[in-house]
Amino acid sequence: MSFIEFKNIRKAFGNNVIYTDLSLEIKKGETLTIIGGSGTGKSVMLKLLLCLLDPDAGEIYLDGVNLFNLSSREVIKMRKRFGMLFQGAALFDSMNVADNVSY
């Protein structure tokens, strides 16, 4: 079983298409590095995984559970399993100041 699975993810911001059909499977115990230039979608992928952004299409699973079927309380619990470190000081642009501080 996959630990993390992106299935047919589509994400765009207006005319700026980030993903048209992202599918990725990460098994438990695997180590994966995502590399790419600025603006290629690395942070978008993490924000999708943490439910900070919604995909335009597709599904994301964590331990077999579709993340976009979780309640707000379950999303908060799921986020506690992850950490995210930015290259420089940064805030989540999809969250307000209070949510950024509490995260």
PDB file of N, CA and C in Angstrom:
ATOM      1  N   MET A   1       0.841  -1.186   0.000  1.00  0.00           N
ATOM      2  CA  MET A   1       0.000   0.000   0.000  1.00  0.00           C
ATOM      3  C   MET A   1       0.886   1.250   0.000  1.00  0.00           C
ATOM      4  N   SER A   2       0.417   2.264  -0.682  1.00  0.00           N
ATOM      5  CA  SER A   2       1.141   3.534  -0.736  1.00  0.00           C
ATOM      6  C   SER A   2       0.971   4.294   0.564  1.00  0.00           C
ATOM      7  N   PHE A   3       2.003   5.062   0.917  1.00  0.00           N
ATOM      8  CA  PHE A   3       1.889   5.976   2.050  1.00  0.00           C
ATOM      9  C   PHE A   3       1.268   7.283   1.562  1.00  0.00           C
ATOM     10  N   ILE A   4       1.784   7.795   0.451  1.00  0.00           N
ATOM     11  CA  ILE A   4       1.245   9.005  -0.178  1.00  0.00           C
ATOM     12  C   ILE A   4       0.998   8.675  -1.639  1.00  0.00           C
ATOM     13  N   GLU A   5      -0.165   9.091  -2.129  1.00  0.00           N
ATOM     14  CA  GLU A   5      -0.463   8.871  -3.541  1.00  0.00           C
ATOM     15  C   GLU A   5      -1.213  10.072  -4.119  1.00  0.00           C
ATOM     16  N   PHE A   6      -0.647  10.636  -5.165  1.00  0.00           N
ATOM     17  CA  PHE A   6      -1.297  11.673  -5.953  1.00  0.00           C
ATOM     18  C   PHE A   6      -1.863  10.979  -7.187  1.00  0.00           C
ATOM     19  N   LYS A   7      -3.161  11.135  -7.456  1.00  0.00           N
ATOM     20  CA  LYS A   7      -3.794  10.476  -8.597  1.00  0.00           C
ATOM     21  C   LYS A   7      -4.409  11.513  -9.522  1.00  0.00           C
ATOM     22  N   ASN A   8      -3.829  11.642 -10.707  1.00  0.00           N
ATOM     23  CA  ASN A   8      -4.388  12.468 -11.772  1.00  0.00           C
ATOM     24  C   ASN A   8      -4.697  13.898 -11.314  1.00  0.00           C
ATOM     25  N   ILE A   9      -3.729  14.507 -10.618  1.00  0.00           N
ATOM     26  CA  ILE A   9      -3.924  15.854 -10.076  1.00  0.00           C
ATOM     27  C   ILE A   9      -3.794  16.902 -11.176  1.00  0.00           C
ATOM     28  N   ARG A  10      -4.757  17.798 -11.180  1.00  0.00           N
ATOM     29  CA  ARG A  10      -4.696  18.974 -12.042  1.00  0.00           C
ATOM     30  C   ARG A  10      -4.780  20.190 -11.137  1.00  0.00           C
ATOM     31  N   LYS A  11      -3.888  21.160 -11.373  1.00  0.00           N
ATOM     32  CA  LYS A  11      -3.918  22.401 -10.604  1.00  0.00           C
ATOM     33  C   LYS A  11      -3.452  23.535 -11.504  1.00  0.00           C
ATOM     34  N   ALA A  12      -4.244  24.592 -11.522  1.00  0.00           N
ATOM     35  CA  ALA A  12      -3.905  25.785 -12.292  1.00  0.00           C
ATOM     36  C   ALA A  12      -4.309  27.008 -11.490  1.00  0.00           C
ATOM     37  N   PHE A  13      -3.599  28.082 -11.733  1.00  0.00           N
ATOM     38  CA  PHE A  13      -3.933  29.384 -11.180  1.00  0.00           C
ATOM     39  C   PHE A  13      -4.220  30.277 -12.377  1.00  0.00           C
ATOM     40  N   GLY A  14      -5.477  30.396 -12.718  1.00  0.00           N
ATOM     41  CA  GLY A  14      -5.839  31.110 -13.938  1.00  0.00           C
ATOM     42  C   GLY A  14      -5.300  30.372 -15.146  1.00  0.00           C
ATOM     43  N   ASN A  15      -4.567  31.066 -15.990  1.00  0.00           N
ATOM     44  CA  ASN A  15      -3.975  30.447 -17.185  1.00  0.00           C
ATOM     45  C   ASN A  15      -2.658  29.745 -16.896  1.00  0.00           C
ATOM     46  N   ASN A  16      -2.146  29.886 -15.668  1.00  0.00           N
ATOM     47  CA  ASN A  16      -0.874  29.266 -15.291  1.00  0.00           C
ATOM     48  C   ASN A  16      -1.130  27.833 -14.804  1.00  0.00           C
ATOM     49  N   VAL A  17      -0.962  26.878 -15.691  1.00  0.00           N
ATOM     50  CA  VAL A  17      -1.197  25.470 -15.370  1.00  0.00           C
ATOM     51  C   VAL A  17       0.047  24.898 -14.707  1.00  0.00           C
ATOM     52  N   ILE A  18      -0.119  24.398 -13.489  1.00  0.00           N
ATOM     53  CA  ILE A  18       0.994  23.808 -12.743  1.00  0.00           C
ATOM     54  C   ILE A  18       1.069  22.311 -13.020  1.00  0.00           C
ATOM     55  N   TYR A  19      -0.063  21.618 -12.892  1.00  0.00           N
ATOM     56  CA  TYR A  19      -0.130  20.174 -13.161  1.00  0.00           C
ATOM     57  C   TYR A  19      -1.330  19.881 -14.042  1.00  0.00           C
ATOM     58  N   THR A  20      -1.120  19.014 -15.031  1.00  0.00           N
ATOM     59  CA  THR A  20      -2.243  18.573 -15.854  1.00  0.00           C
ATOM     60  C   THR A  20      -2.647  17.147 -15.523  1.00  0.00           C
ATOM     61  N   ASP A  21      -1.710  16.325 -15.068  1.00  0.00           N
ATOM     62  CA  ASP A  21      -2.025  14.927 -14.750  1.00  0.00           C
ATOM     63  C   ASP A  21      -0.916  14.365 -13.860  1.00  0.00           C
ATOM     64  N   LEU A  22      -0.744  14.945 -12.684  1.00  0.00           N
ATOM     65  CA  LEU A  22       0.293  14.491 -11.761  1.00  0.00           C
ATOM     66  C   LEU A  22      -0.158  13.211 -11.070  1.00  0.00           C
ATOM     67  N   SER A  23       0.598  12.160 -11.253  1.00  0.00           N
ATOM     68  CA  SER A  23       0.376  10.905 -10.532  1.00  0.00           C
ATOM     69  C   SER A  23       1.709  10.481  -9.936  1.00  0.00           C
ATOM     70  N   LEU A  24       1.698  10.213  -8.639  1.00  0.00           N
ATOM     71  CA  LEU A  24       2.920   9.893  -7.902  1.00  0.00           C
ATOM     72  C   LEU A  24       2.554   8.978  -6.754  1.00  0.00           C
ATOM     73  N   GLU A  25       3.342   7.934  -6.566  1.00  0.00           N
ATOM     74  CA  GLU A  25       3.105   6.985  -5.483  1.00  0.00           C
ATOM     75  C   GLU A  25       4.377   6.854  -4.653  1.00  0.00           C
ATOM     76  N   ILE A  26       4.234   7.067  -3.349  1.00  0.00           N
ATOM     77  CA  ILE A  26       5.361   6.944  -2.426  1.00  0.00           C
ATOM     78  C   ILE A  26       5.002   5.869  -1.407  1.00  0.00           C
ATOM     79  N   LYS A  27       5.823   4.848  -1.334  1.00  0.00           N
ATOM     80  CA  LYS A  27       5.562   3.744  -0.397  1.00  0.00           C
ATOM     81  C   LYS A  27       6.170   4.048   0.963  1.00  0.00           C
ATOM     82  N   LYS A  28       5.646   3.401   1.996  1.00  0.00           N
ATOM     83  CA  LYS A  28       6.196   3.557   3.347  1.00  0.00           C
ATOM     84  C   LYS A  28       7.663   3.160   3.331  1.00  0.00           C
ATOM     85  N   GLY A  29       8.484   3.977   3.984  1.00  0.00           N
ATOM     86  CA  GLY A  29       9.908   3.698   4.070  1.00  0.00           C
ATOM     87  C   GLY A  29      10.732   4.289   2.948  1.00  0.00           C
ATOM     88  N   GLU A  30      10.097   4.736   1.877  1.00  0.00           N
ATOM     89  CA  GLU A  30      10.825   5.347   0.768  1.00  0.00           C
ATOM     90  C   GLU A  30      11.239   6.767   1.131  1.00  0.00           C
ATOM     91  N   THR A  31      12.340   7.193   0.555  1.00  0.00           N
ATOM     92  CA  THR A  31      12.783   8.580   0.658  1.00  0.00           C
ATOM     93  C   THR A  31      12.734   9.171  -0.739  1.00  0.00           C
ATOM     94  N   LEU A  32      12.169  10.352  -0.829  1.00  0.00           N
ATOM     95  CA  LEU A  32      11.988  10.978  -2.130  1.00  0.00           C
ATOM     96  C   LEU A  32      12.414  12.434  -2.043  1.00  0.00           C
ATOM     97  N   THR A  33      13.098  12.904  -3.058  1.00  0.00           N
ATOM     98  CA  THR A  33      13.468  14.308  -3.161  1.00  0.00           C
ATOM     99  C   THR A  33      12.814  14.871  -4.405  1.00  0.00           C
ATOM    100  N   ILE A  34      12.155  16.009  -4.241  1.00  0.00           N
ATOM    101  CA  ILE A  34      11.550  16.711  -5.367  1.00  0.00           C
ATOM    102  C   ILE A  34      12.428  17.927  -5.652  1.00  0.00           C
ATOM    103  N   ILE A  35      12.973  17.987  -6.860  1.00  0.00           N
ATOM    104  CA  ILE A  35      13.824  19.123  -7.219  1.00  0.00           C
ATOM    105  C   ILE A  35      13.274  19.773  -8.482  1.00  0.00           C
ATOM    106  N   GLY A  36      13.576  21.039  -8.640  1.00  0.00           N
ATOM    107  CA  GLY A  36      13.150  21.748  -9.839  1.00  0.00           C
ATOM    108  C   GLY A  36      13.376  23.229  -9.656  1.00  0.00           C
ATOM    109  N   GLY A  37      13.302  23.931 -10.728  1.00  0.00           N
ATOM    110  CA  GLY A  37      13.501  25.372 -10.710  1.00  0.00           C
ATOM    111  C   GLY A  37      12.360  26.100 -10.025  1.00  0.00           C
ATOM    112  N   SER A  38      12.561  27.364  -9.817  1.00  0.00           N
ATOM    113  CA  SER A  38      11.552  28.217  -9.212  1.00  0.00           C
ATOM    114  C   SER A  38      10.294  28.234 -10.079  1.00  0.00           C
ATOM    115  N   GLY A  39       9.152  28.056  -9.436  1.00  0.00           N
ATOM    116  CA  GLY A  39       7.878  28.118 -10.140  1.00  0.00           C
ATOM    117  C   GLY A  39       7.458  26.851 -10.843  1.00  0.00           C
ATOM    118  N   THR A  40       8.109  25.721 -10.544  1.00  0.00           N
ATOM    119  CA  THR A  40       7.769  24.469 -11.231  1.00  0.00           C
ATOM    120  C   THR A  40       6.762  23.609 -10.479  1.00  0.00           C
ATOM    121  N   GLY A  41       6.335  24.038  -9.273  1.00  0.00           N
ATOM    122  CA  GLY A  41       5.264  23.324  -8.590  1.00  0.00           C
ATOM    123  C   GLY A  41       5.658  22.544  -7.352  1.00  0.00           C
ATOM    124  N   LYS A  42       6.881  22.677  -6.876  1.00  0.00           N
ATOM    125  CA  LYS A  42       7.305  21.919  -5.686  1.00  0.00           C
ATOM    126  C   LYS A  42       6.488  22.320  -4.463  1.00  0.00           C
ATOM    127  N   SER A  43       6.368  23.603  -4.208  1.00  0.00           N
ATOM    128  CA  SER A  43       5.598  24.069  -3.049  1.00  0.00           C
ATOM    129  C   SER A  43       4.111  23.804  -3.224  1.00  0.00           C
ATOM    130  N   VAL A  44       3.627  23.896  -4.448  1.00  0.00           N
ATOM    131  CA  VAL A  44       2.216  23.598  -4.717  1.00  0.00           C
ATOM    132  C   VAL A  44       1.919  22.149  -4.348  1.00  0.00           C
ATOM    133  N   MET A  45       2.839  21.240  -4.677  1.00  0.00           N
ATOM    134  CA  MET A  45       2.640  19.833  -4.332  1.00  0.00           C
ATOM    135  C   MET A  45       2.510  19.655  -2.817  1.00  0.00           C
ATOM    136  N   LEU A  46       3.375  20.313  -2.054  1.00  0.00           N
ATOM    137  CA  LEU A  46       3.302  20.214  -0.598  1.00  0.00           C
ATOM    138  C   LEU A  46       2.029  20.848  -0.053  1.00  0.00           C
ATOM    139  N   LYS A  47       1.639  21.985  -0.615  1.00  0.00           N
ATOM    140  CA  LYS A  47       0.409  22.643  -0.163  1.00  0.00           C
ATOM    141  C   LYS A  47      -0.821  21.794  -0.480  1.00  0.00           C
ATOM    142  N   LEU A  48      -0.799  21.083  -1.583  1.00  0.00           N
ATOM    143  CA  LEU A  48      -1.886  20.150  -1.894  1.00  0.00           C
ATOM    144  C   LEU A  48      -1.909  19.016  -0.880  1.00  0.00           C
ATOM    145  N   LEU A  49      -0.742  18.455  -0.578  1.00  0.00           N
ATOM    146  CA  LEU A  49      -0.655  17.359   0.380  1.00  0.00           C
ATOM    147  C   LEU A  49      -1.150  17.769   1.764  1.00  0.00           C
ATOM    148  N   LEU A  50      -0.891  19.007   2.151  1.00  0.00           N
ATOM    149  CA  LEU A  50      -1.292  19.498   3.467  1.00  0.00           C
ATOM    150  C   LEU A  50      -2.697  20.100   3.462  1.00  0.00           C
ATOM    151  N   CYS A  51      -3.398  19.985   2.344  1.00  0.00           N
ATOM    152  CA  CYS A  51      -4.757  20.519   2.187  1.00  0.00           C
ATOM    153  C   CYS A  51      -4.816  22.026   2.380  1.00  0.00           C
ATOM    154  N   LEU A  52      -3.732  22.704   2.053  1.00  0.00           N
ATOM    155  CA  LEU A  52      -3.722  24.162   2.062  1.00  0.00           C
ATOM    156  C   LEU A  52      -4.248  24.698   0.735  1.00  0.00           C
ATOM    157  N   LEU A  53      -4.194  23.868  -0.292  1.00  0.00           N
ATOM    158  CA  LEU A  53      -4.781  24.148  -1.596  1.00  0.00           C
ATOM    159  C   LEU A  53      -5.626  22.948  -1.993  1.00  0.00           C
ATOM    160  N   ASP A  54      -6.675  23.191  -2.755  1.00  0.00           N
ATOM    161  CA  ASP A  54      -7.489  22.117  -3.320  1.00  0.00           C
ATOM    162  C   ASP A  54      -7.080  21.897  -4.762  1.00  0.00           C
ATOM    163  N   PRO A  55      -7.007  20.643  -5.195  1.00  0.00           N
ATOM    164  CA  PRO A  55      -6.726  20.402  -6.613  1.00  0.00           C
ATOM    165  C   PRO A  55      -7.953  20.759  -7.450  1.00  0.00           C
ATOM    166  N   ASP A  56      -7.736  21.088  -8.708  1.00  0.00           N
ATOM    167  CA  ASP A  56      -8.848  21.315  -9.627  1.00  0.00           C
ATOM    168  C   ASP A  56      -9.481  19.991 -10.035  1.00  0.00           C
ATOM    169  N   ALA A  57      -8.689  18.944 -10.014  1.00  0.00           N
ATOM    170  CA  ALA A  57      -9.164  17.590 -10.314  1.00  0.00           C
ATOM    171  C   ALA A  57      -8.181  16.609  -9.699  1.00  0.00           C
ATOM    172  N   GLY A  58      -8.632  15.381  -9.502  1.00  0.00           N
ATOM    173  CA  GLY A  58      -7.775  14.327  -8.974  1.00  0.00           C
ATOM    174  C   GLY A  58      -7.956  14.122  -7.486  1.00  0.00           C
ATOM    175  N   GLU A  59      -7.172  13.191  -6.951  1.00  0.00           N
ATOM    176  CA  GLU A  59      -7.282  12.796  -5.549  1.00  0.00           C
ATOM    177  C   GLU A  59      -5.898  12.625  -4.945  1.00  0.00           C
ATOM    178  N   ILE A  60      -5.823  12.839  -3.639  1.00  0.00           N
ATOM    179  CA  ILE A  60      -4.587  12.611  -2.898  1.00  0.00           C
ATOM    180  C   ILE A  60      -4.921  11.733  -1.705  1.00  0.00           C
ATOM    181  N   TYR A  61      -4.133  10.668  -1.537  1.00  0.00           N
ATOM    182  CA  TYR A  61      -4.355   9.717  -0.449  1.00  0.00           C
ATOM    183  C   TYR A  61      -3.160   9.702   0.494  1.00  0.00           C
ATOM    184  N   LEU A  62      -3.443   9.575   1.768  1.00  0.00           N
ATOM    185  CA  LEU A  62      -2.434   9.381   2.802  1.00  0.00           C
ATOM    186  C   LEU A  62      -2.841   8.140   3.574  1.00  0.00           C
ATOM    187  N   ASP A  63      -2.000   7.127   3.554  1.00  0.00           N
ATOM    188  CA  ASP A  63      -2.326   5.839   4.184  1.00  0.00           C
ATOM    189  C   ASP A  63      -3.686   5.311   3.721  1.00  0.00           C
ATOM    190  N   GLY A  64      -3.987   5.471   2.436  1.00  0.00           N
ATOM    191  CA  GLY A  64      -5.217   4.947   1.862  1.00  0.00           C
ATOM    192  C   GLY A  64      -6.450   5.809   2.076  1.00  0.00           C
ATOM    193  N   VAL A  65      -6.307   6.950   2.741  1.00  0.00           N
ATOM    194  CA  VAL A  65      -7.443   7.831   3.028  1.00  0.00           C
ATOM    195  C   VAL A  65      -7.404   9.033   2.085  1.00  0.00           C
ATOM    196  N   ASN A  66      -8.514   9.297   1.407  1.00  0.00           N
ATOM    197  CA  ASN A  66      -8.613  10.455   0.523  1.00  0.00           C
ATOM    198  C   ASN A  66      -8.631  11.709   1.390  1.00  0.00           C
ATOM    199  N   LEU A  67      -7.610  12.552   1.231  1.00  0.00           N
ATOM    200  CA  LEU A  67      -7.465  13.731   2.084  1.00  0.00           C
ATOM    201  C   LEU A  67      -8.612  14.710   1.938  1.00  0.00           C
ATOM    202  N   PHE A  68      -9.260  14.726   0.794  1.00  0.00           N
ATOM    203  CA  PHE A  68     -10.299  15.716   0.569  1.00  0.00           C
ATOM    204  C   PHE A  68     -11.672  15.227   1.027  1.00  0.00           C
ATOM    205  N   ASN A  69     -11.699  14.080   1.706  1.00  0.00           N
ATOM    206  CA  ASN A  69     -12.906  13.612   2.375  1.00  0.00           C
ATOM    207  C   ASN A  69     -12.824  13.830   3.881  1.00  0.00           C
ATOM    208  N   LEU A  70     -11.705  14.397   4.361  1.00  0.00           N
ATOM    209  CA  LEU A  70     -11.504  14.598   5.800  1.00  0.00           C
ATOM    210  C   LEU A  70     -12.253  15.833   6.291  1.00  0.00           C
ATOM    211  N   SER A  71     -12.689  15.783   7.540  1.00  0.00           N
ATOM    212  CA  SER A  71     -13.281  16.956   8.182  1.00  0.00           C
ATOM    213  C   SER A  71     -12.162  17.938   8.529  1.00  0.00           C
ATOM    214  N   SER A  72     -12.526  19.157   8.884  1.00  0.00           N
ATOM    215  CA  SER A  72     -11.534  20.160   9.284  1.00  0.00           C
ATOM    216  C   SER A  72     -10.696  19.663  10.450  1.00  0.00           C
ATOM    217  N   ARG A  73     -11.314  19.028  11.410  1.00  0.00           N
ATOM    218  CA  ARG A  73     -10.607  18.494  12.579  1.00  0.00           C
ATOM    219  C   ARG A  73      -9.624  17.400  12.168  1.00  0.00           C
ATOM    220  N   GLU A  74     -10.040  16.537  11.245  1.00  0.00           N
ATOM    221  CA  GLU A  74      -9.161  15.458  10.779  1.00  0.00           C
ATOM    222  C   GLU A  74      -7.980  16.017   9.972  1.00  0.00           C
ATOM    223  N   VAL A  75      -8.212  17.086   9.218  1.00  0.00           N
ATOM    224  CA  VAL A  75      -7.124  17.726   8.460  1.00  0.00           C
ATOM    225  C   VAL A  75      -6.083  18.272   9.425  1.00  0.00           C
ATOM    226  N   ILE A  76      -6.527  18.926  10.493  1.00  0.00           N
ATOM    227  CA  ILE A  76      -5.592  19.465  11.486  1.00  0.00           C
ATOM    228  C   ILE A  76      -4.770  18.338  12.102  1.00  0.00           C
ATOM    229  N   LYS A  77      -5.415  17.236  12.437  1.00  0.00           N
ATOM    230  CA  LYS A  77      -4.711  16.078  13.006  1.00  0.00           C
ATOM    231  C   LYS A  77      -3.696  15.515  12.000  1.00  0.00           C
ATOM    232  N   MET A  78      -4.086  15.430  10.734  1.00  0.00           N
ATOM    233  CA  MET A  78      -3.199  14.913   9.688  1.00  0.00           C
ATOM    234  C   MET A  78      -1.981  15.811   9.527  1.00  0.00           C
ATOM    235  N   ARG A  79      -2.178  17.128   9.562  1.00  0.00           N
ATOM    236  CA  ARG A  79      -1.070  18.064   9.378  1.00  0.00           C
ATOM    237  C   ARG A  79      -0.001  17.921  10.459  1.00  0.00           C
ATOM    238  N   LYS A  80      -0.370  17.457  11.615  1.00  0.00           N
ATOM    239  CA  LYS A  80       0.596  17.282  12.706  1.00  0.00           C
ATOM    240  C   LYS A  80       1.608  16.188  12.404  1.00  0.00           C
ATOM    241  N   ARG A  81       1.347  15.388  11.381  1.00  0.00           N
ATOM    242  CA  ARG A  81       2.271  14.329  10.978  1.00  0.00           C
ATOM    243  C   ARG A  81       3.386  14.845  10.084  1.00  0.00           C
ATOM    244  N   PHE A  82       3.293  16.108   9.647  1.00  0.00           N
ATOM    245  CA  PHE A  82       4.224  16.663   8.675  1.00  0.00           C
ATOM    246  C   PHE A  82       4.906  17.904   9.222  1.00  0.00           C
ATOM    247  N   GLY A  83       6.072  18.188   8.672  1.00  0.00           N
ATOM    248  CA  GLY A  83       6.756  19.446   8.924  1.00  0.00           C
ATOM    249  C   GLY A  83       7.152  20.025   7.577  1.00  0.00           C
ATOM    250  N   MET A  84       7.260  21.322   7.521  1.00  0.00           N
ATOM    251  CA  MET A  84       7.619  21.970   6.272  1.00  0.00           C
ATOM    252  C   MET A  84       8.579  23.096   6.601  1.00  0.00           C
ATOM    253  N   LEU A  85       9.718  23.081   5.958  1.00  0.00           N
ATOM    254  CA  LEU A  85      10.738  24.097   6.183  1.00  0.00           C
ATOM    255  C   LEU A  85      10.996  24.815   4.871  1.00  0.00           C
ATOM    256  N   PHE A  86      10.833  26.133   4.889  1.00  0.00           N
ATOM    257  CA  PHE A  86      11.043  26.916   3.686  1.00  0.00           C
ATOM    258  C   PHE A  86      12.514  27.276   3.537  1.00  0.00           C
ATOM    259  N   GLN A  87      12.899  27.558   2.308  1.00  0.00           N
ATOM    260  CA  GLN A  87      14.263  27.975   2.013  1.00  0.00           C
ATOM    261  C   GLN A  87      14.593  29.280   2.730  1.00  0.00           C
ATOM    262  N   GLY A  88      13.651  30.188   2.771  1.00  0.00           N
ATOM    263  CA  GLY A  88      13.807  31.460   3.479  1.00  0.00           C
ATOM    264  C   GLY A  88      12.574  31.702   4.325  1.00  0.00           C
ATOM    265  N   ALA A  89      12.590  32.737   5.111  1.00  0.00           N
ATOM    266  CA  ALA A  89      11.417  33.048   5.925  1.00  0.00           C
ATOM    267  C   ALA A  89      10.218  33.222   4.996  1.00  0.00           C
ATOM    268  N   ALA A  90       9.137  32.532   5.308  1.00  0.00           N
ATOM    269  CA  ALA A  90       7.970  32.586   4.424  1.00  0.00           C
ATOM    270  C   ALA A  90       6.706  32.288   5.210  1.00  0.00           C
ATOM    271  N   LEU A  91       5.604  32.729   4.670  1.00  0.00           N
ATOM    272  CA  LEU A  91       4.287  32.429   5.216  1.00  0.00           C
ATOM    273  C   LEU A  91       3.506  31.675   4.154  1.00  0.00           C
ATOM    274  N   PHE A  92       2.493  30.934   4.586  1.00  0.00           N
ATOM    275  CA  PHE A  92       1.587  30.298   3.641  1.00  0.00           C
ATOM    276  C   PHE A  92       0.684  31.390   3.086  1.00  0.00           C
ATOM    277  N   ASP A  93       0.773  31.664   1.786  1.00  0.00           N
ATOM    278  CA  ASP A  93      -0.038  32.726   1.202  1.00  0.00           C
ATOM    279  C   ASP A  93      -1.515  32.373   1.133  1.00  0.00           C
ATOM    280  N   SER A  94      -1.830  31.104   1.320  1.00  0.00           N
ATOM    281  CA  SER A  94      -3.229  30.676   1.294  1.00  0.00           C
ATOM    282  C   SER A  94      -3.889  30.772   2.672  1.00  0.00           C
ATOM    283  N   MET A  95      -3.128  31.219   3.690  1.00  0.00           N
ATOM    284  CA  MET A  95      -3.645  31.311   5.060  1.00  0.00           C
ATOM    285  C   MET A  95      -3.513  32.746   5.562  1.00  0.00           C
ATOM    286  N   ASN A  96      -4.403  33.129   6.480  1.00  0.00           N
ATOM    287  CA  ASN A  96      -4.295  34.459   7.077  1.00  0.00           C
ATOM    288  C   ASN A  96      -3.197  34.452   8.140  1.00  0.00           C
ATOM    289  N   VAL A  97      -2.896  35.614   8.715  1.00  0.00           N
ATOM    290  CA  VAL A  97      -1.793  35.738   9.666  1.00  0.00           C
ATOM    291  C   VAL A  97      -2.012  34.860  10.891  1.00  0.00           C
ATOM    292  N   ALA A  98      -3.209  34.868  11.445  1.00  0.00           N
ATOM    293  CA  ALA A  98      -3.495  34.060  12.644  1.00  0.00           C
ATOM    294  C   ALA A  98      -3.286  32.571  12.359  1.00  0.00           C
ATOM    295  N   ASP A  99      -3.720  32.098  11.202  1.00  0.00           N
ATOM    296  CA  ASP A  99      -3.540  30.688  10.850  1.00  0.00           C
ATOM    297  C   ASP A  99      -2.066  30.356  10.635  1.00  0.00           C
ATOM    298  N   ASN A 100      -1.313  31.268  10.019  1.00  0.00           N
ATOM    299  CA  ASN A 100       0.124  31.061   9.842  1.00  0.00           C
ATOM    300  C   ASN A 100       0.825  30.948  11.195  1.00  0.00           C
ATOM    301  N   VAL A 101       0.502  31.833  12.105  1.00  0.00           N
ATOM    302  CA  VAL A 101       1.137  31.800  13.430  1.00  0.00           C
ATOM    303  C   VAL A 101       0.760  30.528  14.169  1.00  0.00           C
ATOM    304  N   SER A 102      -0.497  30.131  14.106  1.00  0.00           N
ATOM    305  CA  SER A 102      -0.921  28.930  14.846  1.00  0.00           C
ATOM    306  C   SER A 102      -0.346  27.664  14.232  1.00  0.00           C
ATOM    307  N   TYR A 103      -0.099  27.668  12.902  1.00  0.00           N
ATOM    308  CA  TYR A 103       0.467  26.495  12.256  1.00  0.00           C
ATOM    309  C   TYR A 103       1.893  26.310  12.739  1.00  0.00           C
TER     310      TYR A 103
END
